[in-house]
Amino acid sequence: MVFTQTSSCEFTLSGIVIDEHDQQALSYSTIYIVELEKGYISDINGVFVAPNLCNQTYTLVIGHIGCEPDTMKILITQHTKKTFYLEHHIEELKEFAIIENEIKPLSSVVKKELSPEELSKTRGRTLGESMKELTGVTTFTTGNSISKPVIHGMHSDRILILNNGIRQEGQQWGSEHAPEIDPFIANKLSVVKGAQSVRYGANAIGGVVLVEPADLPDSSGINDEINAIGSSNGQQGVSSAMLEGKSNKLLGIAWRMQGSLKKSGNV
């Protein structure tokens, strides 16, 4: 009598993959059986089932995102249920810093200005004469006291003058009309040329002259300033006085008074 024995491949390996530290199920873990060259994926609860296994030893490679793969051998002699543990690591980026130097775009704005120190050297002159100190600015004169700024060969209604943000348009009336602006009120005098002058309107095609007085005082008290200038040419004399202050009783109220007198003989 002859007896034969065949290998049964009807066993099932079922299991669950959990975190070794907090005992939480590791969803969508991978289970690879080397001998069968076949892989399985656990469900959202970490459970998987590998059917049709034979009576033999299998090599399993179990992995999960953030875990080191674990390789183990398991002997299958019957339907088997097993819990598999993986050491789960949370990968965190360390602190990093990005340091970069800002690249400033090239500007089409050409702006020249006279500082308060430079303006003090031109005291007693007209506004147009004071602006001659700026590069690219000349003057158009029709008399001893009539002087208009010229920018890029343009003057009068081709140049916009802003006195403390207010348009000064008296110079547009004719060649005998100079800007009616007392240079003593200016704390900073600047000229804007180039494409950026278009933002001020069509009258600024040649450029923009900005006359900016000093800010009103922000501390209580009274300040004053007196200027007296004489010239032997034409026996000219110029005087200017300024008085300003801020009330310590009325908060937010500051004031300024300023006046100039200019007298000249024949030149």
C-alpha atoms as a PDB file:
ATOM      1  CA  MET A   1       0.000   0.000   0.000  1.00  0.00           C
ATOM      2  CA  VAL A   2       1.351   3.451  -0.997  1.00  0.00           C
ATOM      3  CA  PHE A   3       0.479   6.652   0.866  1.00  0.00           C
ATOM      4  CA  THR A   4       0.847  10.127  -0.760  1.00  0.00           C
ATOM      5  CA  GLN A   5       0.765  13.539   0.949  1.00  0.00           C
ATOM      6  CA  THR A   6       0.156  16.821  -0.841  1.00  0.00           C
ATOM      7  CA  SER A   7       0.871  20.298   0.449  1.00  0.00           C
ATOM      8  CA  SER A   8      -2.254  22.275   1.329  1.00  0.00           C
ATOM      9  CA  CYS A   9      -2.250  25.957   0.288  1.00  0.00           C
ATOM     10  CA  GLU A  10      -5.518  26.949   1.822  1.00  0.00           C
ATOM     11  CA  PHE A  11      -4.275  28.689   4.945  1.00  0.00           C
ATOM     12  CA  THR A  12      -4.879  32.367   5.655  1.00  0.00           C
ATOM     13  CA  LEU A  13      -2.656  34.862   7.420  1.00  0.00           C
ATOM     14  CA  SER A  14      -4.564  37.762   8.890  1.00  0.00           C
ATOM     15  CA  GLY A  15      -3.132  40.485  11.038  1.00  0.00           C
ATOM     16  CA  ILE A  16      -3.096  44.072  12.187  1.00  0.00           C
ATOM     17  CA  VAL A  17      -0.220  46.553  12.045  1.00  0.00           C
ATOM     18  CA  ILE A  18      -0.040  48.953  14.981  1.00  0.00           C
ATOM     19  CA  ASP A  19       2.327  51.555  16.372  1.00  0.00           C
ATOM     20  CA  GLU A  20       4.664  50.134  18.976  1.00  0.00           C
ATOM     21  CA  HIS A  21       4.531  53.305  21.093  1.00  0.00           C
ATOM     22  CA  ASP A  22       0.916  54.510  21.218  1.00  0.00           C
ATOM     23  CA  GLN A  23      -0.791  51.291  20.045  1.00  0.00           C
ATOM     24  CA  GLN A  24      -2.566  53.135  17.239  1.00  0.00           C
ATOM     25  CA  ALA A  25      -3.412  51.277  14.036  1.00  0.00           C
ATOM     26  CA  LEU A  26      -1.158  52.132  11.101  1.00  0.00           C
ATOM     27  CA  SER A  27      -3.461  52.587   8.141  1.00  0.00           C
ATOM     28  CA  TYR A  28      -2.398  51.493   4.659  1.00  0.00           C
ATOM     29  CA  SER A  29       0.689  49.616   5.759  1.00  0.00           C
ATOM     30  CA  THR A  30       2.425  47.429   3.170  1.00  0.00           C
ATOM     31  CA  ILE A  31       2.961  43.675   3.708  1.00  0.00           C
ATOM     32  CA  TYR A  32       5.246  41.972   1.195  1.00  0.00           C
ATOM     33  CA  ILE A  33       5.731  38.165   1.104  1.00  0.00           C
ATOM     34  CA  VAL A  34       9.148  37.505  -0.394  1.00  0.00           C
ATOM     35  CA  GLU A  35       8.560  33.875  -1.419  1.00  0.00           C
ATOM     36  CA  LEU A  36       5.357  34.700  -3.277  1.00  0.00           C
ATOM     37  CA  GLU A  37       6.637  38.051  -4.610  1.00  0.00           C
ATOM     38  CA  LYS A  38       3.274  39.410  -3.686  1.00  0.00           C
ATOM     39  CA  GLY A  39       2.213  42.374  -1.574  1.00  0.00           C
ATOM     40  CA  TYR A  40      -0.825  43.422   0.421  1.00  0.00           C
ATOM     41  CA  ILE A  41      -2.030  46.733   1.901  1.00  0.00           C
ATOM     42  CA  SER A  42      -3.811  47.048   5.232  1.00  0.00           C
ATOM     43  CA  ASP A  43      -7.103  48.947   5.455  1.00  0.00           C
ATOM     44  CA  ILE A  44      -7.800  52.140   7.385  1.00  0.00           C
ATOM     45  CA  ASN A  45      -7.818  50.121  10.623  1.00  0.00           C
ATOM     46  CA  GLY A  46      -4.436  48.530   9.893  1.00  0.00           C
ATOM     47  CA  VAL A  47      -5.984  45.097   9.155  1.00  0.00           C
ATOM     48  CA  PHE A  48      -4.858  42.894   6.249  1.00  0.00           C
ATOM     49  CA  VAL A  49      -5.549  39.350   4.998  1.00  0.00           C
ATOM     50  CA  ALA A  50      -3.189  37.158   2.935  1.00  0.00           C
ATOM     51  CA  PRO A  51      -5.059  34.040   1.630  1.00  0.00           C
ATOM     52  CA  ASN A  52      -3.954  30.839  -0.065  1.00  0.00           C
ATOM     53  CA  LEU A  53      -0.787  30.234   1.903  1.00  0.00           C
ATOM     54  CA  CYS A  54       0.929  26.865   2.085  1.00  0.00           C
ATOM     55  CA  ASN A  55       2.334  24.948   5.013  1.00  0.00           C
ATOM     56  CA  GLN A  56       5.767  26.527   5.125  1.00  0.00           C
ATOM     57  CA  THR A  57       7.802  29.426   6.442  1.00  0.00           C
ATOM     58  CA  TYR A  58       7.361  32.809   4.808  1.00  0.00           C
ATOM     59  CA  THR A  59       9.444  35.988   4.937  1.00  0.00           C
ATOM     60  CA  LEU A  60       7.385  39.111   5.509  1.00  0.00           C
ATOM     61  CA  VAL A  61       8.556  42.705   4.983  1.00  0.00           C
ATOM     62  CA  ILE A  62       6.188  45.142   6.687  1.00  0.00           C
ATOM     63  CA  GLY A  63       6.462  48.868   6.142  1.00  0.00           C
ATOM     64  CA  HIS A  64       4.649  52.141   6.681  1.00  0.00           C
ATOM     65  CA  ILE A  65       5.327  55.803   5.962  1.00  0.00           C
ATOM     66  CA  GLY A  66       7.497  57.168   8.730  1.00  0.00           C
ATOM     67  CA  CYS A  67       8.563  53.692   9.906  1.00  0.00           C
ATOM     68  CA  GLU A  68      11.624  51.582   9.364  1.00  0.00           C
ATOM     69  CA  PRO A  69      10.654  48.426   7.384  1.00  0.00           C
ATOM     70  CA  ASP A  70      10.562  45.312   9.577  1.00  0.00           C
ATOM     71  CA  THR A  71      11.540  41.904   8.167  1.00  0.00           C
ATOM     72  CA  MET A  72      10.404  38.735   9.937  1.00  0.00           C
ATOM     73  CA  LYS A  73       9.812  35.055   9.296  1.00  0.00           C
ATOM     74  CA  ILE A  74       6.574  33.292  10.176  1.00  0.00           C
ATOM     75  CA  LEU A  75       5.680  29.601   9.989  1.00  0.00           C
ATOM     76  CA  ILE A  76       2.232  28.880   8.572  1.00  0.00           C
ATOM     77  CA  THR A  77       0.741  25.533   9.611  1.00  0.00           C
ATOM     78  CA  GLN A  78      -2.856  26.635   9.977  1.00  0.00           C
ATOM     79  CA  HIS A  79      -5.003  29.704   9.764  1.00  0.00           C
ATOM     80  CA  THR A  80      -2.930  32.311  11.569  1.00  0.00           C
ATOM     81  CA  LYS A  81      -3.770  35.655  13.114  1.00  0.00           C
ATOM     82  CA  LYS A  82      -0.977  37.902  14.345  1.00  0.00           C
ATOM     83  CA  THR A  83      -0.315  41.450  15.494  1.00  0.00           C
ATOM     84  CA  PHE A  84       2.656  43.228  13.964  1.00  0.00           C
ATOM     85  CA  TYR A  85       4.385  46.179  15.641  1.00  0.00           C
ATOM     86  CA  LEU A  86       6.273  48.948  13.865  1.00  0.00           C
ATOM     87  CA  GLU A  87       8.255  51.746  15.435  1.00  0.00           C
ATOM     88  CA  HIS A  88       6.733  54.898  14.041  1.00  0.00           C
ATOM     89  CA  HIS A  89       8.826  58.082  13.847  1.00  0.00           C
ATOM     90  CA  ILE A  90       7.536  61.612  13.266  1.00  0.00           C
ATOM     91  CA  GLU A  91       9.986  63.269  10.922  1.00  0.00           C
ATOM     92  CA  GLU A  92      10.202  66.968  11.669  1.00  0.00           C
ATOM     93  CA  LEU A  93      12.236  69.502   9.752  1.00  0.00           C
ATOM     94  CA  LYS A  94      14.773  71.357  11.811  1.00  0.00           C
ATOM     95  CA  GLU A  95      14.773  75.123  11.924  1.00  0.00           C
ATOM     96  CA  PHE A  96      16.228  76.785   8.866  1.00  0.00           C
ATOM     97  CA  ALA A  97      16.673  80.373   7.773  1.00  0.00           C
ATOM     98  CA  ILE A  98      16.713  81.917   4.317  1.00  0.00           C
ATOM     99  CA  ILE A  99      18.924  84.970   4.061  1.00  0.00           C
ATOM    100  CA  GLU A 100      18.909  86.958   0.867  1.00  0.00           C
ATOM    101  CA  ASN A 101      19.858  90.466  -0.101  1.00  0.00           C
ATOM    102  CA  GLU A 102      17.076  92.522  -1.615  1.00  0.00           C
ATOM    103  CA  ILE A 103      17.662  93.519  -5.202  1.00  0.00           C
ATOM    104  CA  LYS A 104      16.227  96.951  -5.638  1.00  0.00           C
ATOM    105  CA  PRO A 105      14.681  97.538  -9.061  1.00  0.00           C
ATOM    106  CA  LEU A 106      16.109 100.220 -11.233  1.00  0.00           C
ATOM    107  CA  SER A 107      14.044 103.374 -10.891  1.00  0.00           C
ATOM    108  CA  SER A 108      13.196 105.731 -13.709  1.00  0.00           C
ATOM    109  CA  VAL A 109      12.736 108.539 -11.192  1.00  0.00           C
ATOM    110  CA  VAL A 110      15.375 111.281 -11.247  1.00  0.00           C
ATOM    111  CA  LYS A 111      15.059 113.369  -8.110  1.00  0.00           C
ATOM    112  CA  LYS A 112      17.481 116.055  -7.028  1.00  0.00           C
ATOM    113  CA  GLU A 113      17.097 118.036  -3.837  1.00  0.00           C
ATOM    114  CA  LEU A 114      18.652 120.760  -1.737  1.00  0.00           C
ATOM    115  CA  SER A 115      19.008 119.971   1.948  1.00  0.00           C
ATOM    116  CA  PRO A 116      18.292 122.603   4.632  1.00  0.00           C
ATOM    117  CA  GLU A 117      22.039 123.222   4.954  1.00  0.00           C
ATOM    118  CA  GLU A 118      22.398 123.825   1.216  1.00  0.00           C
ATOM    119  CA  LEU A 119      19.318 126.045   1.168  1.00  0.00           C
ATOM    120  CA  SER A 120      20.771 128.241   3.915  1.00  0.00           C
ATOM    121  CA  LYS A 121      23.595 129.203   1.534  1.00  0.00           C
ATOM    122  CA  THR A 122      21.074 130.544  -1.006  1.00  0.00           C
ATOM    123  CA  ARG A 123      19.095 132.739   1.393  1.00  0.00           C
ATOM    124  CA  GLY A 124      18.092 136.044  -0.132  1.00  0.00           C
ATOM    125  CA  ARG A 125      17.841 134.708  -3.676  1.00  0.00           C
ATOM    126  CA  THR A 126      14.651 134.077  -5.616  1.00  0.00           C
ATOM    127  CA  LEU A 127      13.223 130.590  -5.936  1.00  0.00           C
ATOM    128  CA  GLY A 128      14.578 130.227  -9.467  1.00  0.00           C
ATOM    129  CA  GLU A 129      18.054 131.352  -8.421  1.00  0.00           C
ATOM    130  CA  SER A 130      18.059 128.913  -5.514  1.00  0.00           C
ATOM    131  CA  MET A 131      17.183 126.056  -7.867  1.00  0.00           C
ATOM    132  CA  LYS A 132      20.222 126.778 -10.064  1.00  0.00           C
ATOM    133  CA  GLU A 133      22.198 124.773  -7.505  1.00  0.00           C
ATOM    134  CA  LEU A 134      20.386 121.611  -8.654  1.00  0.00           C
ATOM    135  CA  THR A 135      21.935 119.584 -11.467  1.00  0.00           C
ATOM    136  CA  GLY A 136      20.056 119.922 -14.748  1.00  0.00           C
ATOM    137  CA  VAL A 137      18.113 123.046 -13.684  1.00  0.00           C
ATOM    138  CA  THR A 138      18.725 126.473 -15.211  1.00  0.00           C
ATOM    139  CA  THR A 139      16.827 129.748 -15.002  1.00  0.00           C
ATOM    140  CA  PHE A 140      14.984 132.032 -17.356  1.00  0.00           C
ATOM    141  CA  THR A 141      15.269 135.658 -16.235  1.00  0.00           C
ATOM    142  CA  THR A 142      13.539 138.779 -17.514  1.00  0.00           C
ATOM    143  CA  GLY A 143      14.753 141.153 -14.853  1.00  0.00           C
ATOM    144  CA  ASN A 144      16.634 141.533 -11.621  1.00  0.00           C
ATOM    145  CA  SER A 145      13.937 139.836  -9.545  1.00  0.00           C
ATOM    146  CA  ILE A 146      12.092 137.730 -12.133  1.00  0.00           C
ATOM    147  CA  SER A 147      13.536 134.233 -12.459  1.00  0.00           C
ATOM    148  CA  LYS A 148      11.831 131.038 -13.590  1.00  0.00           C
ATOM    149  CA  PRO A 149      13.185 127.499 -13.339  1.00  0.00           C
ATOM    150  CA  VAL A 150      13.953 125.722 -16.623  1.00  0.00           C
ATOM    151  CA  ILE A 151      14.054 121.909 -16.763  1.00  0.00           C
ATOM    152  CA  HIS A 152      14.916 120.066 -19.977  1.00  0.00           C
ATOM    153  CA  GLY A 153      14.488 123.357 -21.837  1.00  0.00           C
ATOM    154  CA  MET A 154      10.907 123.776 -20.623  1.00  0.00           C
ATOM    155  CA  HIS A 155       9.474 126.349 -18.243  1.00  0.00           C
ATOM    156  CA  SER A 156       6.264 128.155 -17.254  1.00  0.00           C
ATOM    157  CA  ASP A 157       3.200 125.955 -17.886  1.00  0.00           C
ATOM    158  CA  ARG A 158       5.422 122.954 -18.728  1.00  0.00           C
ATOM    159  CA  ILE A 159       6.697 122.781 -15.154  1.00  0.00           C
ATOM    160  CA  LEU A 160       4.543 122.120 -12.105  1.00  0.00           C
ATOM    161  CA  ILE A 161       5.391 123.798  -8.813  1.00  0.00           C
ATOM    162  CA  LEU A 162       3.914 122.367  -5.619  1.00  0.00           C
ATOM    163  CA  ASN A 163       4.214 124.568  -2.542  1.00  0.00           C
ATOM    164  CA  ASN A 164       3.455 122.395   0.499  1.00  0.00           C
ATOM    165  CA  GLY A 165       1.353 120.167  -1.785  1.00  0.00           C
ATOM    166  CA  ILE A 166      -0.573 123.101  -3.340  1.00  0.00           C
ATOM    167  CA  ARG A 167      -0.232 123.986  -7.011  1.00  0.00           C
ATOM    168  CA  GLN A 168       1.461 127.317  -7.679  1.00  0.00           C
ATOM    169  CA  GLU A 169       0.319 128.453 -11.139  1.00  0.00           C
ATOM    170  CA  GLY A 170       1.139 132.175 -11.180  1.00  0.00           C
ATOM    171  CA  GLN A 171       4.255 131.572 -13.268  1.00  0.00           C
ATOM    172  CA  GLN A 172       2.080 130.351 -16.151  1.00  0.00           C
ATOM    173  CA  TRP A 173       0.611 133.794 -16.887  1.00  0.00           C
ATOM    174  CA  GLY A 174       3.569 135.088 -18.891  1.00  0.00           C
ATOM    175  CA  SER A 175       7.273 135.740 -19.055  1.00  0.00           C
ATOM    176  CA  GLU A 176       6.995 138.623 -16.553  1.00  0.00           C
ATOM    177  CA  HIS A 177       5.508 136.406 -13.843  1.00  0.00           C
ATOM    178  CA  ALA A 178       7.900 134.456 -11.624  1.00  0.00           C
ATOM    179  CA  PRO A 179       6.773 131.952  -8.966  1.00  0.00           C
ATOM    180  CA  GLU A 180       5.319 133.903  -6.040  1.00  0.00           C
ATOM    181  CA  ILE A 181       6.987 131.754  -3.434  1.00  0.00           C
ATOM    182  CA  ASP A 182       9.145 133.004  -0.597  1.00  0.00           C
ATOM    183  CA  PRO A 183      12.265 130.784  -0.569  1.00  0.00           C
ATOM    184  CA  PHE A 184      12.582 131.335   3.198  1.00  0.00           C
ATOM    185  CA  ILE A 185       9.587 129.049   3.851  1.00  0.00           C
ATOM    186  CA  ALA A 186      11.298 126.074   2.204  1.00  0.00           C
ATOM    187  CA  ASN A 187      13.026 123.542   4.412  1.00  0.00           C
ATOM    188  CA  LYS A 188      13.728 121.265   1.442  1.00  0.00           C
ATOM    189  CA  LEU A 189      13.688 122.041  -2.260  1.00  0.00           C
ATOM    190  CA  SER A 190      13.597 119.168  -4.769  1.00  0.00           C
ATOM    191  CA  VAL A 191      13.019 118.536  -8.462  1.00  0.00           C
ATOM    192  CA  VAL A 192      11.448 115.386  -9.928  1.00  0.00           C
ATOM    193  CA  LYS A 193      12.356 114.587 -13.531  1.00  0.00           C
ATOM    194  CA  GLY A 194      11.801 111.639 -15.810  1.00  0.00           C
ATOM    195  CA  ALA A 195       8.839 109.328 -16.333  1.00  0.00           C
ATOM    196  CA  GLN A 196       7.656 109.612 -12.738  1.00  0.00           C
ATOM    197  CA  SER A 197       6.727 113.271 -13.226  1.00  0.00           C
ATOM    198  CA  VAL A 198       3.778 112.164 -15.392  1.00  0.00           C
ATOM    199  CA  ARG A 199       1.884 111.096 -12.264  1.00  0.00           C
ATOM    200  CA  TYR A 200       1.520 114.786 -11.388  1.00  0.00           C
ATOM    201  CA  GLY A 201      -0.422 115.570 -14.551  1.00  0.00           C
ATOM    202  CA  ALA A 202       0.087 117.040 -18.016  1.00  0.00           C
ATOM    203  CA  ASN A 203       1.516 120.278 -16.608  1.00  0.00           C
ATOM    204  CA  ALA A 204       4.519 118.348 -15.294  1.00  0.00           C
ATOM    205  CA  ILE A 205       5.881 117.257 -18.679  1.00  0.00           C
ATOM    206  CA  GLY A 206       9.137 119.076 -17.982  1.00  0.00           C
ATOM    207  CA  GLY A 207       9.354 118.189 -14.311  1.00  0.00           C
ATOM    208  CA  VAL A 208       8.020 118.957 -10.861  1.00  0.00           C
ATOM    209  CA  VAL A 209       9.377 121.419  -8.312  1.00  0.00           C
ATOM    210  CA  LEU A 210       8.554 120.466  -4.718  1.00  0.00           C
ATOM    211  CA  VAL A 211       8.782 123.195  -2.090  1.00  0.00           C
ATOM    212  CA  GLU A 212       8.514 121.538   1.310  1.00  0.00           C
ATOM    213  CA  PRO A 213       8.409 123.575   4.547  1.00  0.00           C
ATOM    214  CA  ALA A 214       9.538 122.165   7.857  1.00  0.00           C
ATOM    215  CA  ASP A 215       7.049 120.206   9.953  1.00  0.00           C
ATOM    216  CA  LEU A 216       5.125 122.089  12.598  1.00  0.00           C
ATOM    217  CA  PRO A 217       6.569 121.711  16.106  1.00  0.00           C
ATOM    218  CA  ASP A 218       5.415 118.682  18.097  1.00  0.00           C
ATOM    219  CA  SER A 219       6.586 119.895  21.498  1.00  0.00           C
ATOM    220  CA  SER A 220       5.142 122.781  23.478  1.00  0.00           C
ATOM    221  CA  GLY A 221       6.948 126.109  23.420  1.00  0.00           C
ATOM    222  CA  ILE A 222       7.775 128.914  21.010  1.00  0.00           C
ATOM    223  CA  ASN A 223      10.584 129.019  18.451  1.00  0.00           C
ATOM    224  CA  ASP A 224      11.717 131.889  16.256  1.00  0.00           C
ATOM    225  CA  GLU A 225      14.133 132.561  13.419  1.00  0.00           C
ATOM    226  CA  ILE A 226      15.344 135.864  11.967  1.00  0.00           C
ATOM    227  CA  ASN A 227      17.349 136.295   8.746  1.00  0.00           C
ATOM    228  CA  ALA A 228      18.861 139.546   7.474  1.00  0.00           C
ATOM    229  CA  ILE A 229      20.826 139.675   4.229  1.00  0.00           C
ATOM    230  CA  GLY A 230      22.410 142.657   2.509  1.00  0.00           C
ATOM    231  CA  SER A 231      23.947 143.061  -0.932  1.00  0.00           C
ATOM    232  CA  SER A 232      26.082 145.909  -2.295  1.00  0.00           C
ATOM    233  CA  ASN A 233      24.815 145.244  -5.811  1.00  0.00           C
ATOM    234  CA  GLY A 234      21.762 147.492  -6.121  1.00  0.00           C
ATOM    235  CA  GLN A 235      21.905 148.190  -2.391  1.00  0.00           C
ATOM    236  CA  GLN A 236      19.590 145.249  -1.870  1.00  0.00           C
ATOM    237  CA  GLY A 237      18.338 144.178   1.497  1.00  0.00           C
ATOM    238  CA  VAL A 238      16.324 141.104   2.476  1.00  0.00           C
ATOM    239  CA  SER A 239      14.899 140.287   5.894  1.00  0.00           C
ATOM    240  CA  SER A 240      12.739 137.412   7.070  1.00  0.00           C
ATOM    241  CA  ALA A 241      11.212 136.476  10.415  1.00  0.00           C
ATOM    242  CA  MET A 242       9.473 133.297  11.537  1.00  0.00           C
ATOM    243  CA  LEU A 243       7.634 132.523  14.742  1.00  0.00           C
ATOM    244  CA  GLU A 244       6.118 129.133  15.564  1.00  0.00           C
ATOM    245  CA  GLY A 245       4.892 127.229  18.558  1.00  0.00           C
ATOM    246  CA  LYS A 246       2.666 124.597  20.070  1.00  0.00           C
ATOM    247  CA  SER A 247       0.110 125.017  22.819  1.00  0.00           C
ATOM    248  CA  ASN A 248       0.443 122.837  25.902  1.00  0.00           C
ATOM    249  CA  LYS A 249      -3.227 123.428  26.724  1.00  0.00           C
ATOM    250  CA  LEU A 250      -4.789 122.711  23.350  1.00  0.00           C
ATOM    251  CA  LEU A 251      -3.451 119.324  22.386  1.00  0.00           C
ATOM    252  CA  GLY A 252      -2.681 118.822  18.709  1.00  0.00           C
ATOM    253  CA  ILE A 253      -2.657 122.566  17.922  1.00  0.00           C
ATOM    254  CA  ALA A 254       0.545 124.010  16.436  1.00  0.00           C
ATOM    255  CA  TRP A 255       1.042 127.251  14.500  1.00  0.00           C
ATOM    256  CA  ARG A 256       3.577 129.165  12.422  1.00  0.00           C
ATOM    257  CA  MET A 257       3.833 132.783  11.196  1.00  0.00           C
ATOM    258  CA  GLN A 258       6.407 133.854   8.639  1.00  0.00           C
ATOM    259  CA  GLY A 259       7.047 137.006   6.631  1.00  0.00           C
ATOM    260  CA  SER A 260       9.762 138.438   4.398  1.00  0.00           C
ATOM    261  CA  LEU A 261      10.676 141.874   3.092  1.00  0.00           C
ATOM    262  CA  LYS A 262      12.915 142.552   0.124  1.00  0.00           C
ATOM    263  CA  LYS A 263      13.983 145.947  -1.178  1.00  0.00           C
ATOM    264  CA  SER A 264      16.416 146.762  -3.956  1.00  0.00           C
ATOM    265  CA  GLY A 265      17.536 149.866  -5.803  1.00  0.00           C
ATOM    266  CA  ASN A 266      18.616 150.229  -9.404  1.00  0.00           C
ATOM    267  CA  VAL A 267      21.141 147.705 -10.696  1.00  0.00           C
END
